[in-house]
Amino acid sequence: MKTLEERFNEKWIPVTESGCWLWTGATYNSGYGQIKTPYKSYRAHRVALMLAGVELKDDDLALHKCDNKLCVNPDHLYAGTHQDNMDDATSRGRRVCGEKHHSSKLTADDVSAIRAQFENGVSTVQVAKQYGICQATAYEIKSMKIWRNI
């Protein structure tokens, strides 16, 4: 029976231009590579890091420097947290925020107006009713937990 490493190494091909190693095996619906053991299924890029000697905690993620979901080149990967992944996505413009988000009810102008109202003593309850948002959202705008860029 082949080892996990042997099976892994049969399932990727190098791409000269980018340096990526493209996973040719099974994939998850998300587009990331998948490799199975008798008891569990793993993301192929996570296995790539583990085979390269990187110790991953249970809550660590294997993150891509190259933004290629199928890449399993350990030189293109690094271990990080969920927050690291979100920060990376934001910095690279891959994360939709603010009024561009599909479920956003507010625009940047709305948020500026809401903050001005808070400065004039308007309550979160009043703002929530006026803009059709929940009071918790109004509070998070007021306390700069969301829409921090405005």
N, C-alpha and C. Protein backbone atom coordinates (compact mmCIF):
# COMPACT_ATOMS: atom_id res chain seq x y z
N MET A 1 0.84 -1.19 0.00
CA MET A 1 0.00 0.00 0.00
C MET A 1 0.89 1.25 0.00
N LYS A 2 0.52 2.24 -0.81
CA LYS A 2 1.31 3.45 -0.94
C LYS A 2 1.12 4.36 0.28
N THR A 3 2.18 5.09 0.60
CA THR A 3 2.08 6.05 1.69
C THR A 3 1.31 7.29 1.22
N LEU A 4 0.90 8.10 2.16
CA LEU A 4 0.21 9.34 1.84
C LEU A 4 1.10 10.22 0.97
N GLU A 5 2.38 10.28 1.30
CA GLU A 5 3.31 11.09 0.51
C GLU A 5 3.42 10.59 -0.92
N GLU A 6 3.50 9.27 -1.11
CA GLU A 6 3.57 8.71 -2.47
C GLU A 6 2.30 9.03 -3.26
N ARG A 7 1.16 8.86 -2.63
CA ARG A 7 -0.11 9.16 -3.28
C ARG A 7 -0.21 10.65 -3.61
N PHE A 8 0.22 11.49 -2.67
CA PHE A 8 0.20 12.94 -2.87
C PHE A 8 1.05 13.32 -4.08
N ASN A 9 2.27 12.78 -4.15
CA ASN A 9 3.21 13.14 -5.22
C ASN A 9 2.78 12.66 -6.60
N GLU A 10 1.83 11.75 -6.67
CA GLU A 10 1.29 11.30 -7.96
C GLU A 10 0.19 12.22 -8.48
N LYS A 11 -0.23 13.18 -7.65
CA LYS A 11 -1.43 13.96 -7.97
C LYS A 11 -1.18 15.43 -8.24
N TRP A 12 0.03 15.82 -8.59
CA TRP A 12 0.28 17.21 -8.95
C TRP A 12 1.25 17.29 -10.11
N ILE A 13 1.16 18.40 -10.84
CA ILE A 13 2.08 18.65 -11.95
C ILE A 13 2.65 20.06 -11.79
N PRO A 14 3.92 20.25 -12.13
CA PRO A 14 4.51 21.59 -12.00
C PRO A 14 4.10 22.50 -13.17
N VAL A 15 3.92 23.77 -12.85
CA VAL A 15 3.66 24.78 -13.87
C VAL A 15 4.86 25.70 -13.88
N THR A 16 5.64 25.66 -14.95
CA THR A 16 6.91 26.36 -15.01
C THR A 16 6.78 27.86 -14.84
N GLU A 17 5.80 28.46 -15.52
CA GLU A 17 5.68 29.93 -15.51
C GLU A 17 5.43 30.48 -14.10
N SER A 18 4.54 29.86 -13.37
CA SER A 18 4.14 30.39 -12.06
C SER A 18 4.89 29.75 -10.89
N GLY A 19 5.44 28.58 -11.12
CA GLY A 19 6.06 27.84 -10.02
C GLY A 19 5.05 27.05 -9.21
N CYS A 20 3.76 27.17 -9.55
CA CYS A 20 2.73 26.42 -8.83
C CYS A 20 2.85 24.93 -9.15
N TRP A 21 2.42 24.12 -8.21
CA TRP A 21 2.25 22.70 -8.42
C TRP A 21 0.74 22.48 -8.45
N LEU A 22 0.18 22.20 -9.60
CA LEU A 22 -1.28 22.08 -9.72
C LEU A 22 -1.77 20.70 -9.32
N TRP A 23 -2.70 20.68 -8.41
CA TRP A 23 -3.32 19.45 -7.94
C TRP A 23 -4.19 18.88 -9.06
N THR A 24 -3.99 17.62 -9.38
CA THR A 24 -4.75 16.97 -10.45
C THR A 24 -5.71 15.92 -9.91
N GLY A 25 -5.70 15.73 -8.60
CA GLY A 25 -6.59 14.75 -7.99
C GLY A 25 -7.98 15.32 -7.74
N ALA A 26 -8.69 14.66 -6.88
CA ALA A 26 -10.06 15.06 -6.53
C ALA A 26 -10.06 16.45 -5.91
N THR A 27 -11.19 17.13 -6.05
CA THR A 27 -11.35 18.46 -5.45
C THR A 27 -12.65 18.53 -4.67
N TYR A 28 -12.68 19.45 -3.72
CA TYR A 28 -13.91 19.79 -3.02
C TYR A 28 -14.74 20.69 -3.93
N ASN A 29 -16.00 20.88 -3.61
CA ASN A 29 -16.85 21.81 -4.38
C ASN A 29 -16.28 23.22 -4.38
N SER A 30 -15.52 23.55 -3.37
CA SER A 30 -14.92 24.88 -3.25
C SER A 30 -13.78 25.11 -4.24
N GLY A 31 -13.31 24.03 -4.88
CA GLY A 31 -12.22 24.16 -5.84
C GLY A 31 -10.85 23.81 -5.27
N TYR A 32 -10.77 23.53 -3.99
CA TYR A 32 -9.50 23.15 -3.37
C TYR A 32 -9.28 21.66 -3.55
N GLY A 33 -8.00 21.26 -3.68
CA GLY A 33 -7.66 19.85 -3.82
C GLY A 33 -8.02 19.05 -2.58
N GLN A 34 -8.28 17.78 -2.80
CA GLN A 34 -8.70 16.89 -1.73
C GLN A 34 -7.92 15.59 -1.82
N ILE A 35 -7.47 15.11 -0.67
CA ILE A 35 -6.83 13.80 -0.61
C ILE A 35 -7.38 13.08 0.61
N LYS A 36 -7.65 11.80 0.43
CA LYS A 36 -8.29 11.03 1.50
C LYS A 36 -7.33 10.02 2.10
N THR A 37 -7.53 9.80 3.38
CA THR A 37 -6.90 8.68 4.07
C THR A 37 -8.05 7.73 4.40
N PRO A 38 -7.77 6.56 4.93
CA PRO A 38 -8.89 5.67 5.25
C PRO A 38 -9.92 6.27 6.22
N TYR A 39 -9.51 7.25 7.01
CA TYR A 39 -10.41 7.76 8.04
C TYR A 39 -10.83 9.21 7.87
N LYS A 40 -10.15 9.94 6.99
CA LYS A 40 -10.43 11.36 6.90
C LYS A 40 -10.06 11.90 5.52
N SER A 41 -10.71 13.01 5.17
CA SER A 41 -10.40 13.72 3.93
C SER A 41 -9.70 15.02 4.30
N TYR A 42 -8.65 15.38 3.57
CA TYR A 42 -7.86 16.58 3.86
C TYR A 42 -7.78 17.47 2.63
N ARG A 43 -7.60 18.75 2.86
CA ARG A 43 -7.29 19.66 1.76
C ARG A 43 -5.84 19.37 1.35
N ALA A 44 -5.65 19.25 0.05
CA ALA A 44 -4.33 18.85 -0.46
C ALA A 44 -3.25 19.85 -0.08
N HIS A 45 -3.56 21.15 -0.07
CA HIS A 45 -2.53 22.14 0.25
C HIS A 45 -2.14 22.07 1.74
N ARG A 46 -3.04 21.61 2.58
CA ARG A 46 -2.70 21.40 3.99
C ARG A 46 -1.73 20.23 4.11
N VAL A 47 -2.00 19.16 3.38
CA VAL A 47 -1.11 18.00 3.38
C VAL A 47 0.26 18.39 2.83
N ALA A 48 0.28 19.26 1.82
CA ALA A 48 1.56 19.71 1.26
C ALA A 48 2.43 20.34 2.33
N LEU A 49 1.83 21.20 3.15
CA LEU A 49 2.60 21.84 4.23
C LEU A 49 3.06 20.81 5.25
N MET A 50 2.18 19.89 5.62
CA MET A 50 2.54 18.88 6.61
C MET A 50 3.67 18.00 6.10
N LEU A 51 3.63 17.62 4.82
CA LEU A 51 4.69 16.79 4.25
C LEU A 51 6.01 17.56 4.15
N ALA A 52 5.92 18.89 4.09
CA ALA A 52 7.12 19.73 4.04
C ALA A 52 7.68 19.98 5.44
N GLY A 53 7.05 19.40 6.46
CA GLY A 53 7.56 19.52 7.82
C GLY A 53 6.98 20.68 8.62
N VAL A 54 5.97 21.36 8.10
CA VAL A 54 5.34 22.46 8.82
C VAL A 54 4.31 21.87 9.79
N GLU A 55 4.45 22.21 11.06
CA GLU A 55 3.49 21.73 12.05
C GLU A 55 2.29 22.65 12.07
N LEU A 56 1.12 22.08 11.86
CA LEU A 56 -0.12 22.84 11.86
C LEU A 56 -0.96 22.46 13.07
N LYS A 57 -1.41 23.45 13.81
CA LYS A 57 -2.36 23.20 14.89
C LYS A 57 -3.71 22.91 14.25
N ASP A 58 -4.62 22.32 15.03
CA ASP A 58 -5.93 21.97 14.49
C ASP A 58 -6.65 23.17 13.88
N ASP A 59 -6.49 24.34 14.48
CA ASP A 59 -7.22 25.52 13.98
C ASP A 59 -6.40 26.34 12.99
N ASP A 60 -5.19 25.91 12.66
CA ASP A 60 -4.40 26.59 11.64
C ASP A 60 -4.93 26.25 10.26
N LEU A 61 -4.77 27.19 9.35
CA LEU A 61 -5.12 26.99 7.96
C LEU A 61 -3.86 26.98 7.12
N ALA A 62 -3.91 26.33 5.98
CA ALA A 62 -2.84 26.41 4.99
C ALA A 62 -3.27 27.48 4.00
N LEU A 63 -2.51 28.58 3.95
CA LEU A 63 -2.87 29.73 3.14
C LEU A 63 -1.99 29.83 1.91
N HIS A 64 -2.56 30.35 0.83
CA HIS A 64 -1.83 30.49 -0.44
C HIS A 64 -1.24 31.88 -0.60
N LYS A 65 0.02 31.94 -0.97
CA LYS A 65 0.65 33.21 -1.37
C LYS A 65 0.30 33.53 -2.81
N CYS A 66 0.01 32.50 -3.60
CA CYS A 66 -0.17 32.64 -5.05
C CYS A 66 -1.64 32.78 -5.46
N ASP A 67 -2.57 32.69 -4.54
CA ASP A 67 -4.00 32.80 -4.83
C ASP A 67 -4.51 31.73 -5.80
N ASN A 68 -3.84 30.60 -5.88
CA ASN A 68 -4.26 29.52 -6.76
C ASN A 68 -4.75 28.36 -5.89
N LYS A 69 -6.05 28.13 -5.89
CA LYS A 69 -6.65 27.10 -5.03
C LYS A 69 -6.07 25.70 -5.26
N LEU A 70 -5.62 25.44 -6.46
CA LEU A 70 -5.11 24.11 -6.78
C LEU A 70 -3.61 23.96 -6.54
N CYS A 71 -2.95 25.03 -6.13
CA CYS A 71 -1.51 24.96 -5.91
C CYS A 71 -1.19 24.22 -4.61
N VAL A 72 -0.25 23.28 -4.71
CA VAL A 72 0.20 22.53 -3.53
C VAL A 72 1.71 22.65 -3.34
N ASN A 73 2.32 23.66 -3.94
CA ASN A 73 3.75 23.91 -3.77
C ASN A 73 3.96 24.49 -2.37
N PRO A 74 4.69 23.80 -1.50
CA PRO A 74 4.88 24.30 -0.14
C PRO A 74 5.53 25.69 -0.08
N ASP A 75 6.30 26.04 -1.11
CA ASP A 75 6.92 27.37 -1.15
C ASP A 75 5.88 28.46 -1.40
N HIS A 76 4.71 28.09 -1.87
CA HIS A 76 3.63 29.04 -2.13
C HIS A 76 2.59 29.05 -1.00
N LEU A 77 2.87 28.30 0.06
CA LEU A 77 1.91 28.14 1.15
C LEU A 77 2.52 28.58 2.47
N TYR A 78 1.65 28.92 3.41
CA TYR A 78 2.09 29.21 4.77
C TYR A 78 0.96 28.93 5.74
N ALA A 79 1.32 28.67 6.97
CA ALA A 79 0.33 28.40 8.01
C ALA A 79 -0.16 29.73 8.58
N GLY A 80 -1.45 29.81 8.83
CA GLY A 80 -2.01 31.01 9.41
C GLY A 80 -3.37 30.75 10.03
N THR A 81 -3.90 31.78 10.64
CA THR A 81 -5.21 31.69 11.30
C THR A 81 -6.31 32.12 10.33
N HIS A 82 -7.54 31.94 10.75
CA HIS A 82 -8.67 32.42 9.97
C HIS A 82 -8.56 33.94 9.78
N GLN A 83 -8.15 34.64 10.84
CA GLN A 83 -8.01 36.10 10.74
C GLN A 83 -6.91 36.47 9.75
N ASP A 84 -5.82 35.73 9.75
CA ASP A 84 -4.76 35.96 8.75
C ASP A 84 -5.32 35.82 7.34
N ASN A 85 -6.16 34.82 7.15
CA ASN A 85 -6.75 34.58 5.84
C ASN A 85 -7.67 35.73 5.44
N MET A 86 -8.48 36.23 6.37
CA MET A 86 -9.38 37.34 6.09
C MET A 86 -8.58 38.62 5.79
N ASP A 87 -7.54 38.86 6.58
CA ASP A 87 -6.70 40.05 6.36
C ASP A 87 -6.01 39.98 4.99
N ASP A 88 -5.53 38.79 4.64
CA ASP A 88 -4.87 38.60 3.35
C ASP A 88 -5.86 38.84 2.21
N ALA A 89 -7.06 38.30 2.34
CA ALA A 89 -8.08 38.48 1.30
C ALA A 89 -8.43 39.95 1.14
N THR A 90 -8.54 40.66 2.24
CA THR A 90 -8.86 42.09 2.18
C THR A 90 -7.73 42.87 1.52
N SER A 91 -6.50 42.58 1.92
CA SER A 91 -5.35 43.33 1.38
C SER A 91 -5.16 43.09 -0.11
N ARG A 92 -5.60 41.94 -0.60
CA ARG A 92 -5.45 41.62 -2.02
C ARG A 92 -6.70 41.95 -2.84
N GLY A 93 -7.70 42.52 -2.17
CA GLY A 93 -8.92 42.90 -2.86
C GLY A 93 -9.81 41.73 -3.25
N ARG A 94 -9.67 40.60 -2.54
CA ARG A 94 -10.48 39.43 -2.84
C ARG A 94 -11.71 39.33 -1.94
N ARG A 95 -11.83 40.24 -0.99
CA ARG A 95 -12.94 40.19 -0.04
C ARG A 95 -13.85 41.38 -0.30
N VAL A 96 -15.11 41.09 -0.52
CA VAL A 96 -16.07 42.14 -0.82
C VAL A 96 -16.56 42.74 0.50
N CYS A 97 -16.40 44.05 0.64
CA CYS A 97 -16.78 44.74 1.87
C CYS A 97 -17.66 45.94 1.53
N GLY A 98 -18.30 46.46 2.56
CA GLY A 98 -19.05 47.70 2.42
C GLY A 98 -20.22 47.57 1.47
N GLU A 99 -20.48 48.63 0.73
CA GLU A 99 -21.66 48.66 -0.13
C GLU A 99 -21.56 47.69 -1.31
N LYS A 100 -20.37 47.18 -1.59
CA LYS A 100 -20.22 46.20 -2.67
C LYS A 100 -20.69 44.81 -2.26
N HIS A 101 -20.84 44.59 -0.96
CA HIS A 101 -21.30 43.29 -0.47
C HIS A 101 -22.75 43.08 -0.89
N HIS A 102 -23.09 41.88 -1.32
CA HIS A 102 -24.41 41.59 -1.88
C HIS A 102 -25.56 41.85 -0.90
N SER A 103 -25.32 41.77 0.39
CA SER A 103 -26.41 41.96 1.35
C SER A 103 -26.39 43.33 2.03
N SER A 104 -25.53 44.22 1.57
CA SER A 104 -25.44 45.53 2.20
C SER A 104 -26.69 46.36 1.93
N LYS A 105 -27.22 46.96 2.99
CA LYS A 105 -28.36 47.86 2.86
C LYS A 105 -27.92 49.32 2.82
N LEU A 106 -26.67 49.55 3.17
CA LEU A 106 -26.16 50.91 3.30
C LEU A 106 -25.10 51.23 2.27
N THR A 107 -24.97 52.51 1.99
CA THR A 107 -23.88 53.00 1.16
C THR A 107 -22.89 53.71 2.07
N ALA A 108 -21.74 54.06 1.53
CA ALA A 108 -20.75 54.82 2.29
C ALA A 108 -21.34 56.16 2.72
N ASP A 109 -22.15 56.78 1.84
CA ASP A 109 -22.79 58.06 2.19
C ASP A 109 -23.76 57.89 3.35
N ASP A 110 -24.51 56.76 3.35
CA ASP A 110 -25.41 56.49 4.47
C ASP A 110 -24.64 56.41 5.78
N VAL A 111 -23.52 55.70 5.75
CA VAL A 111 -22.73 55.52 6.97
C VAL A 111 -22.17 56.85 7.46
N SER A 112 -21.73 57.69 6.56
CA SER A 112 -21.25 59.02 6.95
C SER A 112 -22.38 59.81 7.60
N ALA A 113 -23.57 59.74 7.01
CA ALA A 113 -24.72 60.45 7.58
C ALA A 113 -25.11 59.89 8.95
N ILE A 114 -25.05 58.57 9.08
CA ILE A 114 -25.36 57.93 10.36
C ILE A 114 -24.38 58.39 11.43
N ARG A 115 -23.10 58.41 11.11
CA ARG A 115 -22.10 58.84 12.10
C ARG A 115 -22.33 60.30 12.50
N ALA A 116 -22.72 61.13 11.54
CA ALA A 116 -23.03 62.53 11.85
C ALA A 116 -24.23 62.61 12.79
N GLN A 117 -25.20 61.75 12.57
CA GLN A 117 -26.37 61.73 13.46
C GLN A 117 -25.97 61.33 14.88
N PHE A 118 -25.10 60.35 14.99
CA PHE A 118 -24.63 59.94 16.32
C PHE A 118 -23.93 61.09 17.02
N GLU A 119 -23.13 61.86 16.29
CA GLU A 119 -22.44 63.02 16.88
C GLU A 119 -23.43 64.06 17.38
N ASN A 120 -24.64 64.08 16.79
CA ASN A 120 -25.69 65.03 17.21
C ASN A 120 -26.64 64.42 18.22
N GLY A 121 -26.29 63.26 18.78
CA GLY A 121 -27.07 62.69 19.86
C GLY A 121 -28.23 61.79 19.46
N VAL A 122 -28.34 61.47 18.18
CA VAL A 122 -29.42 60.57 17.75
C VAL A 122 -29.10 59.16 18.25
N SER A 123 -30.12 58.44 18.71
CA SER A 123 -29.91 57.11 19.30
C SER A 123 -29.78 56.03 18.23
N THR A 124 -29.23 54.90 18.64
CA THR A 124 -29.12 53.77 17.72
C THR A 124 -30.50 53.25 17.33
N VAL A 125 -31.45 53.35 18.21
CA VAL A 125 -32.83 52.92 17.90
C VAL A 125 -33.40 53.77 16.77
N GLN A 126 -33.23 55.09 16.87
CA GLN A 126 -33.74 55.99 15.85
C GLN A 126 -33.05 55.75 14.49
N VAL A 127 -31.75 55.59 14.52
CA VAL A 127 -31.00 55.35 13.29
C VAL A 127 -31.43 54.03 12.65
N ALA A 128 -31.58 52.99 13.48
CA ALA A 128 -31.99 51.68 12.97
C ALA A 128 -33.34 51.77 12.26
N LYS A 129 -34.28 52.46 12.85
CA LYS A 129 -35.61 52.62 12.23
C LYS A 129 -35.52 53.41 10.93
N GLN A 130 -34.76 54.48 10.94
CA GLN A 130 -34.66 55.34 9.78
C GLN A 130 -34.06 54.62 8.57
N TYR A 131 -33.05 53.77 8.82
CA TYR A 131 -32.32 53.12 7.72
C TYR A 131 -32.73 51.67 7.48
N GLY A 132 -33.67 51.16 8.26
CA GLY A 132 -34.12 49.78 8.08
C GLY A 132 -33.08 48.74 8.42
N ILE A 133 -32.28 49.05 9.43
CA ILE A 133 -31.24 48.11 9.90
C ILE A 133 -31.55 47.75 11.34
N CYS A 134 -30.92 46.73 11.85
CA CYS A 134 -31.16 46.37 13.25
C CYS A 134 -30.33 47.29 14.15
N GLN A 135 -30.76 47.37 15.39
CA GLN A 135 -30.10 48.25 16.34
C GLN A 135 -28.64 47.83 16.56
N ALA A 136 -28.39 46.53 16.53
CA ALA A 136 -27.02 46.04 16.71
C ALA A 136 -26.11 46.55 15.60
N THR A 137 -26.61 46.60 14.37
CA THR A 137 -25.82 47.12 13.25
C THR A 137 -25.53 48.59 13.46
N ALA A 138 -26.54 49.34 13.88
CA ALA A 138 -26.35 50.77 14.15
C ALA A 138 -25.28 50.96 15.23
N TYR A 139 -25.33 50.14 16.27
CA TYR A 139 -24.33 50.24 17.33
C TYR A 139 -22.93 49.92 16.81
N GLU A 140 -22.82 48.89 15.96
CA GLU A 140 -21.51 48.52 15.43
C GLU A 140 -20.94 49.60 14.52
N ILE A 141 -21.81 50.33 13.81
CA ILE A 141 -21.36 51.47 13.02
C ILE A 141 -20.86 52.56 13.96
N LYS A 142 -21.64 52.84 15.00
CA LYS A 142 -21.29 53.88 15.97
C LYS A 142 -19.96 53.58 16.65
N SER A 143 -19.75 52.33 17.02
CA SER A 143 -18.53 51.96 17.75
C SER A 143 -17.36 51.59 16.84
N MET A 144 -17.54 51.79 15.53
CA MET A 144 -16.48 51.55 14.54
C MET A 144 -16.08 50.08 14.43
N LYS A 145 -16.97 49.18 14.78
CA LYS A 145 -16.69 47.75 14.61
C LYS A 145 -16.87 47.34 13.15
N ILE A 146 -17.77 48.05 12.46
CA ILE A 146 -17.96 47.80 11.03
C ILE A 146 -17.89 49.14 10.30
N TRP A 147 -17.67 49.08 9.00
CA TRP A 147 -17.53 50.27 8.18
C TRP A 147 -16.41 51.18 8.73
N ARG A 148 -15.30 50.57 9.14
CA ARG A 148 -14.19 51.32 9.72
C ARG A 148 -13.52 52.26 8.74
N ASN A 149 -13.67 51.95 7.46
CA ASN A 149 -12.99 52.76 6.45
C ASN A 149 -13.73 54.06 6.15
N ILE A 150 -14.90 54.26 6.73
CA ILE A 150 -15.71 55.47 6.47
C ILE A 150 -15.57 56.42 7.66
